[in-house]
Amino acid sequence: MVFVFSSGFVKYAALELQAQFQMPSVNATATISAIACILAAIVSYFLDRTPKPTPAEIVRNAPRIELNQLERRSFFKENIQFLIPAILIYAVLTFLRDFRDNFNAELLAESNSYSGKNIAQYETLISLILLAGVPFISLIKNHLKAIQFTFTTAAFGGLLNLISLYLYHNKFLSGSYLVLFSGLGMYAGYILINISIMNRIIGYRNTPGNCGFLMYSADSTGYLASIMVMSIALFQNKLAVQWLPIFEQLLTWGSIAVVMISLLPIRYCYLLNKNKLL
């Protein structure tokens, strides 16, 4: 949730530096970056002193060890029903999130509601909602139910995006609120997959491993797609591009994909639970 909040706050802070101190955009960016580096060093210091997992936690969640190529391949095949949907959904959400984050200012400007304050307020509100709800997944001790909950949340996030688009096209929502609600719909599934799904799969199978290579696969796919779309701004006049209609199309098809893909692991989890009860 921190990067959701910081995404809006750093834009607001940079705009305020430019407005209050007549600072060039390059200098404002450098100043914010320097402050971020200092804060990152402080957080890293405390993170390094995080208590190690207890023996009970190690048993429940399985040991986290480095996997070689053969072990990664075996782990992937064993959990393909979870991993393929998770990677695809995370890649789509990474792409949508990155596009929204990079063109947030343009989207709000085309909605006639652009300001640094609006950007900060929207991202802060989203981070607070996520902060209030996401930690409750830790209360789900059953790993399979947690996996099912994660995919269900991603599906509901996709439905929220589609409902927001419908309301926007029928003049019930402004473009700025579309940006707000779409952020919430994207981050709901994105955050849970980011912090939970891979670890839960390892815990459910009770197989030693780690989720580094899995997250890399999903991240690299999503950012590659994002770079391809953003290259539009490099090869033509950026001012001539209408980003809001592009965002609407990407959000529509991306959200449909997330909902449809999520149904597969949700059904698979249901069948696993059902077989256990028989």
C-alpha atoms as a PDB file:
ATOM      1  CA  MET A   1       0.000   0.000   0.000  1.00  0.00           C
ATOM      2  CA  VAL A   2       2.961   2.312   0.555  1.00  0.00           C
ATOM      3  CA  PHE A   3       3.744   2.638  -3.157  1.00  0.00           C
ATOM      4  CA  VAL A   4       0.070   3.449  -3.874  1.00  0.00           C
ATOM      5  CA  PHE A   5       0.217   6.379  -1.457  1.00  0.00           C
ATOM      6  CA  SER A   6       3.721   7.453  -2.486  1.00  0.00           C
ATOM      7  CA  SER A   7       2.797   7.428  -6.181  1.00  0.00           C
ATOM      8  CA  GLY A   8       0.333  10.273  -5.663  1.00  0.00           C
ATOM      9  CA  PHE A   9       2.258  12.052  -2.927  1.00  0.00           C
ATOM     10  CA  VAL A  10       5.518  12.421  -4.864  1.00  0.00           C
ATOM     11  CA  LYS A  11       3.657  13.957  -7.813  1.00  0.00           C
ATOM     12  CA  TYR A  12       1.924  16.391  -5.470  1.00  0.00           C
ATOM     13  CA  ALA A  13       5.183  17.247  -3.678  1.00  0.00           C
ATOM     14  CA  ALA A  14       7.031  17.860  -6.953  1.00  0.00           C
ATOM     15  CA  LEU A  15       4.271  20.142  -8.241  1.00  0.00           C
ATOM     16  CA  GLU A  16       4.284  22.068  -4.951  1.00  0.00           C
ATOM     17  CA  LEU A  17       8.059  22.558  -5.147  1.00  0.00           C
ATOM     18  CA  GLN A  18       7.687  23.955  -8.653  1.00  0.00           C
ATOM     19  CA  ALA A  19       4.839  26.243  -7.633  1.00  0.00           C
ATOM     20  CA  GLN A  20       6.152  27.477  -4.272  1.00  0.00           C
ATOM     21  CA  PHE A  21       9.864  27.833  -5.093  1.00  0.00           C
ATOM     22  CA  GLN A  22       9.717  28.383  -8.868  1.00  0.00           C
ATOM     23  CA  MET A  23      11.848  25.258  -9.188  1.00  0.00           C
ATOM     24  CA  PRO A  24      12.444  23.690 -12.619  1.00  0.00           C
ATOM     25  CA  SER A  25      10.831  20.273 -13.061  1.00  0.00           C
ATOM     26  CA  VAL A  26      14.235  18.561 -13.298  1.00  0.00           C
ATOM     27  CA  ASN A  27      15.360  20.036  -9.966  1.00  0.00           C
ATOM     28  CA  ALA A  28      12.046  19.161  -8.326  1.00  0.00           C
ATOM     29  CA  THR A  29      12.372  15.572  -9.506  1.00  0.00           C
ATOM     30  CA  ALA A  30      15.962  15.368  -8.223  1.00  0.00           C
ATOM     31  CA  THR A  31      14.947  16.799  -4.835  1.00  0.00           C
ATOM     32  CA  ILE A  32      12.104  14.322  -4.368  1.00  0.00           C
ATOM     33  CA  SER A  33      14.376  11.471  -5.452  1.00  0.00           C
ATOM     34  CA  ALA A  34      17.026  12.461  -2.887  1.00  0.00           C
ATOM     35  CA  ILE A  35      14.428  12.535  -0.113  1.00  0.00           C
ATOM     36  CA  ALA A  36      13.092   9.141  -1.246  1.00  0.00           C
ATOM     37  CA  CYS A  37      16.605   7.641  -1.095  1.00  0.00           C
ATOM     38  CA  ILE A  38      17.030   8.826   2.491  1.00  0.00           C
ATOM     39  CA  LEU A  39      13.658   7.399   3.497  1.00  0.00           C
ATOM     40  CA  ALA A  40      14.443   4.112   1.720  1.00  0.00           C
ATOM     41  CA  ALA A  41      17.685   3.811   3.687  1.00  0.00           C
ATOM     42  CA  ILE A  42      15.833   4.375   6.978  1.00  0.00           C
ATOM     43  CA  VAL A  43      13.149   1.798   6.118  1.00  0.00           C
ATOM     44  CA  SER A  44      15.799  -0.702   5.000  1.00  0.00           C
ATOM     45  CA  TYR A  45      17.579  -0.286   8.335  1.00  0.00           C
ATOM     46  CA  PHE A  46      14.463  -1.233  10.280  1.00  0.00           C
ATOM     47  CA  LEU A  47      13.487  -3.950   7.794  1.00  0.00           C
ATOM     48  CA  ASP A  48      16.859  -5.610   8.353  1.00  0.00           C
ATOM     49  CA  ARG A  49      15.946  -5.868  12.030  1.00  0.00           C
ATOM     50  CA  THR A  50      12.593  -7.553  11.465  1.00  0.00           C
ATOM     51  CA  PRO A  51      12.242 -10.602  13.764  1.00  0.00           C
ATOM     52  CA  LYS A  52      12.971 -13.934  12.093  1.00  0.00           C
ATOM     53  CA  PRO A  53      10.055 -16.353  11.578  1.00  0.00           C
ATOM     54  CA  THR A  54       9.194 -18.576  14.501  1.00  0.00           C
ATOM     55  CA  PRO A  55       9.480 -22.400  14.188  1.00  0.00           C
ATOM     56  CA  ALA A  56       5.669 -22.614  14.027  1.00  0.00           C
ATOM     57  CA  GLU A  57       5.561 -20.111  11.153  1.00  0.00           C
ATOM     58  CA  ILE A  58       8.266 -22.004   9.264  1.00  0.00           C
ATOM     59  CA  VAL A  59       6.313 -25.254   9.590  1.00  0.00           C
ATOM     60  CA  ARG A  60       3.017 -23.627   8.516  1.00  0.00           C
ATOM     61  CA  ASN A  61       4.434 -21.690   5.558  1.00  0.00           C
ATOM     62  CA  ALA A  62       7.194 -24.119   4.426  1.00  0.00           C
ATOM     63  CA  PRO A  63      10.904 -23.208   4.279  1.00  0.00           C
ATOM     64  CA  ARG A  64      11.959 -20.607   1.705  1.00  0.00           C
ATOM     65  CA  ILE A  65      15.000 -21.829  -0.201  1.00  0.00           C
ATOM     66  CA  GLU A  66      16.600 -21.062  -3.543  1.00  0.00           C
ATOM     67  CA  LEU A  67      15.369 -23.298  -6.350  1.00  0.00           C
ATOM     68  CA  ASN A  68      17.462 -24.520  -9.262  1.00  0.00           C
ATOM     69  CA  GLN A  69      16.103 -24.734 -12.806  1.00  0.00           C
ATOM     70  CA  LEU A  70      14.830 -28.301 -12.443  1.00  0.00           C
ATOM     71  CA  GLU A  71      13.107 -27.512  -9.126  1.00  0.00           C
ATOM     72  CA  ARG A  72      11.483 -24.383 -10.570  1.00  0.00           C
ATOM     73  CA  ARG A  73      10.166 -26.364 -13.520  1.00  0.00           C
ATOM     74  CA  SER A  74       8.796 -29.073 -11.237  1.00  0.00           C
ATOM     75  CA  PHE A  75       7.180 -26.531  -8.906  1.00  0.00           C
ATOM     76  CA  PHE A  76       5.611 -24.733 -11.854  1.00  0.00           C
ATOM     77  CA  LYS A  77       4.095 -27.914 -13.287  1.00  0.00           C
ATOM     78  CA  GLU A  78       2.741 -28.955  -9.886  1.00  0.00           C
ATOM     79  CA  ASN A  79       0.982 -25.628  -9.365  1.00  0.00           C
ATOM     80  CA  ILE A  80       0.157 -24.650 -12.935  1.00  0.00           C
ATOM     81  CA  GLN A  81      -3.586 -24.323 -12.170  1.00  0.00           C
ATOM     82  CA  PHE A  82      -2.761 -21.491  -9.767  1.00  0.00           C
ATOM     83  CA  LEU A  83       0.364 -20.012 -11.298  1.00  0.00           C
ATOM     84  CA  ILE A  84      -0.719 -19.430 -14.903  1.00  0.00           C
ATOM     85  CA  PRO A  85      -3.858 -17.466 -13.857  1.00  0.00           C
ATOM     86  CA  ALA A  86      -1.907 -15.574 -11.176  1.00  0.00           C
ATOM     87  CA  ILE A  87       0.867 -14.571 -13.566  1.00  0.00           C
ATOM     88  CA  LEU A  88      -1.590 -13.555 -16.319  1.00  0.00           C
ATOM     89  CA  ILE A  89      -3.774 -11.516 -13.957  1.00  0.00           C
ATOM     90  CA  TYR A  90      -0.779  -9.870 -12.313  1.00  0.00           C
ATOM     91  CA  ALA A  91       0.714  -9.042 -15.709  1.00  0.00           C
ATOM     92  CA  VAL A  92      -2.551  -7.421 -16.891  1.00  0.00           C
ATOM     93  CA  LEU A  93      -2.941  -5.463 -13.650  1.00  0.00           C
ATOM     94  CA  THR A  94       0.714  -4.391 -13.723  1.00  0.00           C
ATOM     95  CA  PHE A  95       0.199  -3.079 -17.242  1.00  0.00           C
ATOM     96  CA  LEU A  96      -3.011  -1.211 -16.332  1.00  0.00           C
ATOM     97  CA  ARG A  97      -1.574   0.122 -13.071  1.00  0.00           C
ATOM     98  CA  ASP A  98       1.610   1.341 -14.731  1.00  0.00           C
ATOM     99  CA  PHE A  99      -0.320   3.015 -17.549  1.00  0.00           C
ATOM    100  CA  ARG A 100      -2.653   4.737 -15.080  1.00  0.00           C
ATOM    101  CA  ASP A 101       0.258   5.817 -12.892  1.00  0.00           C
ATOM    102  CA  ASN A 102       2.336   7.228 -15.750  1.00  0.00           C
ATOM    103  CA  PHE A 103      -0.550   9.089 -17.377  1.00  0.00           C
ATOM    104  CA  ASN A 104      -2.480  10.029 -14.244  1.00  0.00           C
ATOM    105  CA  ALA A 105      -1.941  13.740 -14.849  1.00  0.00           C
ATOM    106  CA  GLU A 106      -3.028  13.500 -18.503  1.00  0.00           C
ATOM    107  CA  LEU A 107      -6.132  11.491 -17.598  1.00  0.00           C
ATOM    108  CA  LEU A 108      -7.198  14.053 -14.990  1.00  0.00           C
ATOM    109  CA  ALA A 109      -6.365  16.956 -17.307  1.00  0.00           C
ATOM    110  CA  GLU A 110      -8.627  15.507 -20.015  1.00  0.00           C
ATOM    111  CA  SER A 111     -11.310  15.195 -17.311  1.00  0.00           C
ATOM    112  CA  ASN A 112     -10.866  18.899 -16.442  1.00  0.00           C
ATOM    113  CA  SER A 113      -9.917  18.001 -12.866  1.00  0.00           C
ATOM    114  CA  TYR A 114      -6.125  18.077 -12.943  1.00  0.00           C
ATOM    115  CA  SER A 115      -4.255  19.281  -9.874  1.00  0.00           C
ATOM    116  CA  GLY A 116      -1.498  17.946  -7.672  1.00  0.00           C
ATOM    117  CA  LYS A 117      -3.929  17.993  -4.769  1.00  0.00           C
ATOM    118  CA  ASN A 118      -6.417  15.759  -6.608  1.00  0.00           C
ATOM    119  CA  ILE A 119      -3.690  13.254  -7.506  1.00  0.00           C
ATOM    120  CA  ALA A 120      -2.514  13.055  -3.893  1.00  0.00           C
ATOM    121  CA  GLN A 121      -6.058  12.825  -2.501  1.00  0.00           C
ATOM    122  CA  TYR A 122      -7.123  10.036  -4.854  1.00  0.00           C
ATOM    123  CA  GLU A 123      -4.065   7.864  -4.223  1.00  0.00           C
ATOM    124  CA  THR A 124      -4.235   8.514  -0.471  1.00  0.00           C
ATOM    125  CA  LEU A 125      -7.894   7.482  -0.374  1.00  0.00           C
ATOM    126  CA  ILE A 126      -7.139   4.283  -2.307  1.00  0.00           C
ATOM    127  CA  SER A 127      -4.212   3.417  -0.025  1.00  0.00           C
ATOM    128  CA  LEU A 128      -6.334   3.986   3.105  1.00  0.00           C
ATOM    129  CA  ILE A 129      -9.124   1.724   1.806  1.00  0.00           C
ATOM    130  CA  LEU A 130      -6.595  -0.984   0.952  1.00  0.00           C
ATOM    131  CA  LEU A 131      -4.822  -0.547   4.280  1.00  0.00           C
ATOM    132  CA  ALA A 132      -8.133  -1.058   6.075  1.00  0.00           C
ATOM    133  CA  GLY A 133      -9.058  -4.218   4.176  1.00  0.00           C
ATOM    134  CA  VAL A 134      -6.046  -6.066   2.791  1.00  0.00           C
ATOM    135  CA  PRO A 135      -4.382  -6.998   6.136  1.00  0.00           C
ATOM    136  CA  PHE A 136      -7.432  -9.117   7.020  1.00  0.00           C
ATOM    137  CA  ILE A 137      -6.206 -11.795   4.601  1.00  0.00           C
ATOM    138  CA  SER A 138      -3.612 -12.697   7.234  1.00  0.00           C
ATOM    139  CA  LEU A 139      -6.503 -13.880   9.411  1.00  0.00           C
ATOM    140  CA  ILE A 140      -7.270 -16.610   6.848  1.00  0.00           C
ATOM    141  CA  LYS A 141      -5.084 -19.452   8.072  1.00  0.00           C
ATOM    142  CA  ASN A 142      -6.250 -21.957   5.450  1.00  0.00           C
ATOM    143  CA  HIS A 143      -3.935 -21.410   2.470  1.00  0.00           C
ATOM    144  CA  LEU A 144      -6.375 -22.765  -0.132  1.00  0.00           C
ATOM    145  CA  LYS A 145      -9.147 -20.447   1.079  1.00  0.00           C
ATOM    146  CA  ALA A 146      -6.701 -17.532   1.008  1.00  0.00           C
ATOM    147  CA  ILE A 147      -5.796 -18.380  -2.600  1.00  0.00           C
ATOM    148  CA  GLN A 148      -9.479 -18.523  -3.530  1.00  0.00           C
ATOM    149  CA  PHE A 149     -10.117 -15.216  -1.730  1.00  0.00           C
ATOM    150  CA  THR A 150      -7.277 -13.542  -3.639  1.00  0.00           C
ATOM    151  CA  PHE A 151      -8.652 -14.551  -7.049  1.00  0.00           C
ATOM    152  CA  THR A 152     -12.178 -13.603  -5.961  1.00  0.00           C
ATOM    153  CA  THR A 153     -10.936 -10.155  -4.948  1.00  0.00           C
ATOM    154  CA  ALA A 154      -9.215  -9.739  -8.322  1.00  0.00           C
ATOM    155  CA  ALA A 155     -12.489 -10.658 -10.059  1.00  0.00           C
ATOM    156  CA  PHE A 156     -14.471  -8.154  -7.966  1.00  0.00           C
ATOM    157  CA  GLY A 157     -11.850  -5.520  -8.788  1.00  0.00           C
ATOM    158  CA  GLY A 158     -12.367  -6.188 -12.490  1.00  0.00           C
ATOM    159  CA  LEU A 159     -16.145  -5.932 -12.054  1.00  0.00           C
ATOM    160  CA  LEU A 160     -15.698  -2.614 -10.212  1.00  0.00           C
ATOM    161  CA  ASN A 161     -13.727  -1.293 -13.181  1.00  0.00           C
ATOM    162  CA  LEU A 162     -16.426  -2.395 -15.638  1.00  0.00           C
ATOM    163  CA  ILE A 163     -19.222  -0.902 -13.505  1.00  0.00           C
ATOM    164  CA  SER A 164     -17.260   2.361 -13.250  1.00  0.00           C
ATOM    165  CA  LEU A 165     -16.859   2.450 -17.029  1.00  0.00           C
ATOM    166  CA  TYR A 166     -20.580   1.834 -17.509  1.00  0.00           C
ATOM    167  CA  LEU A 167     -21.472   4.649 -15.094  1.00  0.00           C
ATOM    168  CA  TYR A 168     -18.941   6.960 -16.744  1.00  0.00           C
ATOM    169  CA  HIS A 169     -20.327   6.372 -20.239  1.00  0.00           C
ATOM    170  CA  ASN A 170     -23.860   6.992 -18.957  1.00  0.00           C
ATOM    171  CA  LYS A 171     -22.812  10.293 -17.316  1.00  0.00           C
ATOM    172  CA  PHE A 172     -23.218   9.066 -13.736  1.00  0.00           C
ATOM    173  CA  LEU A 173     -19.485   9.385 -13.069  1.00  0.00           C
ATOM    174  CA  SER A 174     -16.997  12.047 -14.120  1.00  0.00           C
ATOM    175  CA  GLY A 175     -13.683  11.146 -15.702  1.00  0.00           C
ATOM    176  CA  SER A 176     -11.871  11.960 -12.454  1.00  0.00           C
ATOM    177  CA  TYR A 177     -13.998   9.461 -10.512  1.00  0.00           C
ATOM    178  CA  LEU A 178     -13.359   6.881 -13.212  1.00  0.00           C
ATOM    179  CA  VAL A 179      -9.643   7.336 -12.519  1.00  0.00           C
ATOM    180  CA  LEU A 180     -10.300   6.997  -8.774  1.00  0.00           C
ATOM    181  CA  PHE A 181     -12.478   3.865  -8.895  1.00  0.00           C
ATOM    182  CA  SER A 182     -10.350   2.197 -11.551  1.00  0.00           C
ATOM    183  CA  GLY A 183      -7.347   2.603  -9.268  1.00  0.00           C
ATOM    184  CA  LEU A 184      -9.194   0.840  -6.470  1.00  0.00           C
ATOM    185  CA  GLY A 185     -10.339  -1.933  -8.836  1.00  0.00           C
ATOM    186  CA  MET A 186      -6.817  -2.500 -10.125  1.00  0.00           C
ATOM    187  CA  TYR A 187      -4.998  -2.399  -6.812  1.00  0.00           C
ATOM    188  CA  ALA A 188      -7.425  -4.738  -5.015  1.00  0.00           C
ATOM    189  CA  GLY A 189      -6.206  -7.772  -6.931  1.00  0.00           C
ATOM    190  CA  TYR A 190      -2.736  -6.420  -7.650  1.00  0.00           C
ATOM    191  CA  ILE A 191      -1.803  -5.953  -3.986  1.00  0.00           C
ATOM    192  CA  LEU A 192      -3.100  -9.351  -2.861  1.00  0.00           C
ATOM    193  CA  ILE A 193      -1.298 -11.206  -5.633  1.00  0.00           C
ATOM    194  CA  ASN A 194       1.830  -9.194  -4.904  1.00  0.00           C
ATOM    195  CA  ILE A 195       1.937  -9.902  -1.167  1.00  0.00           C
ATOM    196  CA  SER A 196       0.047 -13.151  -0.774  1.00  0.00           C
ATOM    197  CA  ILE A 197      -0.686 -15.527  -3.616  1.00  0.00           C
ATOM    198  CA  MET A 198       2.782 -16.935  -4.295  1.00  0.00           C
ATOM    199  CA  ASN A 199       3.547 -17.438  -0.616  1.00  0.00           C
ATOM    200  CA  ARG A 200       0.150 -19.040  -0.077  1.00  0.00           C
ATOM    201  CA  ILE A 201       0.757 -21.510  -2.913  1.00  0.00           C
ATOM    202  CA  ILE A 202       4.061 -22.523  -1.344  1.00  0.00           C
ATOM    203  CA  GLY A 203       2.362 -22.885   2.042  1.00  0.00           C
ATOM    204  CA  TYR A 204      -0.544 -24.891   0.609  1.00  0.00           C
ATOM    205  CA  ARG A 205       1.719 -27.387  -1.132  1.00  0.00           C
ATOM    206  CA  ASN A 206       4.061 -27.387   1.875  1.00  0.00           C
ATOM    207  CA  THR A 207       6.944 -27.523  -0.565  1.00  0.00           C
ATOM    208  CA  PRO A 208      10.181 -25.614   0.156  1.00  0.00           C
ATOM    209  CA  GLY A 209      10.710 -22.806  -2.305  1.00  0.00           C
ATOM    210  CA  ASN A 210      10.418 -19.069  -2.925  1.00  0.00           C
ATOM    211  CA  CYS A 211       8.348 -16.814  -5.122  1.00  0.00           C
ATOM    212  CA  GLY A 212      11.093 -14.651  -6.630  1.00  0.00           C
ATOM    213  CA  PHE A 213      11.159 -16.181 -10.113  1.00  0.00           C
ATOM    214  CA  LEU A 214       7.343 -16.264 -10.246  1.00  0.00           C
ATOM    215  CA  MET A 215       7.004 -12.557  -9.440  1.00  0.00           C
ATOM    216  CA  TYR A 216       9.729 -11.799 -11.980  1.00  0.00           C
ATOM    217  CA  SER A 217       7.774 -13.642 -14.691  1.00  0.00           C
ATOM    218  CA  ALA A 218       4.606 -11.667 -13.950  1.00  0.00           C
ATOM    219  CA  ASP A 219       6.338  -8.297 -13.512  1.00  0.00           C
ATOM    220  CA  SER A 220       8.422  -8.569 -16.669  1.00  0.00           C
ATOM    221  CA  THR A 221       5.375  -9.469 -18.782  1.00  0.00           C
ATOM    222  CA  GLY A 222       3.308  -6.571 -17.440  1.00  0.00           C
ATOM    223  CA  TYR A 223       6.021  -3.927 -17.765  1.00  0.00           C
ATOM    224  CA  LEU A 224       6.942  -5.079 -21.272  1.00  0.00           C
ATOM    225  CA  ALA A 225       3.346  -4.480 -22.377  1.00  0.00           C
ATOM    226  CA  SER A 226       3.338  -1.120 -20.606  1.00  0.00           C
ATOM    227  CA  ILE A 227       6.541   0.017 -22.328  1.00  0.00           C
ATOM    228  CA  MET A 228       5.116  -0.947 -25.714  1.00  0.00           C
ATOM    229  CA  VAL A 229       2.037   1.227 -25.178  1.00  0.00           C
ATOM    230  CA  MET A 230       3.947   4.154 -23.674  1.00  0.00           C
ATOM    231  CA  SER A 231       6.259   4.196 -26.685  1.00  0.00           C
ATOM    232  CA  ILE A 232       3.372   5.899 -28.496  1.00  0.00           C
ATOM    233  CA  ALA A 233       4.356   9.087 -26.697  1.00  0.00           C
ATOM    234  CA  LEU A 234       7.926   8.822 -27.999  1.00  0.00           C
ATOM    235  CA  PHE A 235       7.100   8.440 -31.673  1.00  0.00           C
ATOM    236  CA  GLN A 236       4.392  11.044 -32.096  1.00  0.00           C
ATOM    237  CA  ASN A 237       3.275  14.331 -30.649  1.00  0.00           C
ATOM    238  CA  LYS A 238       2.316  13.526 -27.069  1.00  0.00           C
ATOM    239  CA  LEU A 239      -0.054  16.501 -26.936  1.00  0.00           C
ATOM    240  CA  ALA A 240      -2.034  15.053 -29.851  1.00  0.00           C
ATOM    241  CA  VAL A 241      -2.725  11.791 -28.037  1.00  0.00           C
ATOM    242  CA  GLN A 242      -6.049  11.491 -26.198  1.00  0.00           C
ATOM    243  CA  TRP A 243      -5.089   9.265 -23.288  1.00  0.00           C
ATOM    244  CA  LEU A 244      -8.504   8.940 -21.649  1.00  0.00           C
ATOM    245  CA  PRO A 245     -10.135   7.046 -24.575  1.00  0.00           C
ATOM    246  CA  ILE A 246      -7.060   4.785 -24.758  1.00  0.00           C
ATOM    247  CA  PHE A 247      -7.320   4.177 -21.018  1.00  0.00           C
ATOM    248  CA  GLU A 248     -11.011   3.316 -21.351  1.00  0.00           C
ATOM    249  CA  GLN A 249     -10.295   0.676 -24.001  1.00  0.00           C
ATOM    250  CA  LEU A 250      -7.393  -0.825 -22.079  1.00  0.00           C
ATOM    251  CA  LEU A 251      -9.396  -0.839 -18.850  1.00  0.00           C
ATOM    252  CA  THR A 252     -12.381  -2.493 -20.528  1.00  0.00           C
ATOM    253  CA  TRP A 253     -10.510  -5.374 -22.129  1.00  0.00           C
ATOM    254  CA  GLY A 254      -8.072  -5.741 -19.257  1.00  0.00           C
ATOM    255  CA  SER A 255     -10.862  -5.963 -16.690  1.00  0.00           C
ATOM    256  CA  ILE A 256     -12.803  -8.501 -18.769  1.00  0.00           C
ATOM    257  CA  ALA A 257      -9.629 -10.589 -19.018  1.00  0.00           C
ATOM    258  CA  VAL A 258      -9.045 -10.407 -15.249  1.00  0.00           C
ATOM    259  CA  VAL A 259     -12.608 -11.499 -14.458  1.00  0.00           C
ATOM    260  CA  MET A 260     -12.583 -14.385 -16.939  1.00  0.00           C
ATOM    261  CA  ILE A 261      -9.143 -15.655 -15.907  1.00  0.00           C
ATOM    262  CA  SER A 262     -10.038 -15.420 -12.197  1.00  0.00           C
ATOM    263  CA  LEU A 263     -12.993 -17.758 -12.633  1.00  0.00           C
ATOM    264  CA  LEU A 264     -10.695 -20.677 -13.502  1.00  0.00           C
ATOM    265  CA  PRO A 265      -8.703 -20.849 -10.230  1.00  0.00           C
ATOM    266  CA  ILE A 266     -11.814 -19.938  -8.212  1.00  0.00           C
ATOM    267  CA  ARG A 267     -13.570 -23.006  -9.641  1.00  0.00           C
ATOM    268  CA  TYR A 268     -10.451 -25.132  -9.148  1.00  0.00           C
ATOM    269  CA  CYS A 269     -10.258 -24.112  -5.467  1.00  0.00           C
ATOM    270  CA  TYR A 270     -13.959 -24.883  -5.081  1.00  0.00           C
ATOM    271  CA  LEU A 271     -13.467 -28.385  -6.494  1.00  0.00           C
ATOM    272  CA  LEU A 272     -10.471 -29.023  -4.230  1.00  0.00           C
ATOM    273  CA  ASN A 273     -12.476 -27.950  -1.176  1.00  0.00           C
ATOM    274  CA  LYS A 274     -15.423 -30.049  -2.301  1.00  0.00           C
ATOM    275  CA  ASN A 275     -13.290 -33.163  -2.743  1.00  0.00           C
ATOM    276  CA  LYS A 276     -11.851 -32.728   0.729  1.00  0.00           C
ATOM    277  CA  LEU A 277     -15.349 -32.688   2.184  1.00  0.00           C
ATOM    278  CA  LEU A 278     -16.403 -35.872   0.366  1.00  0.00           C
END
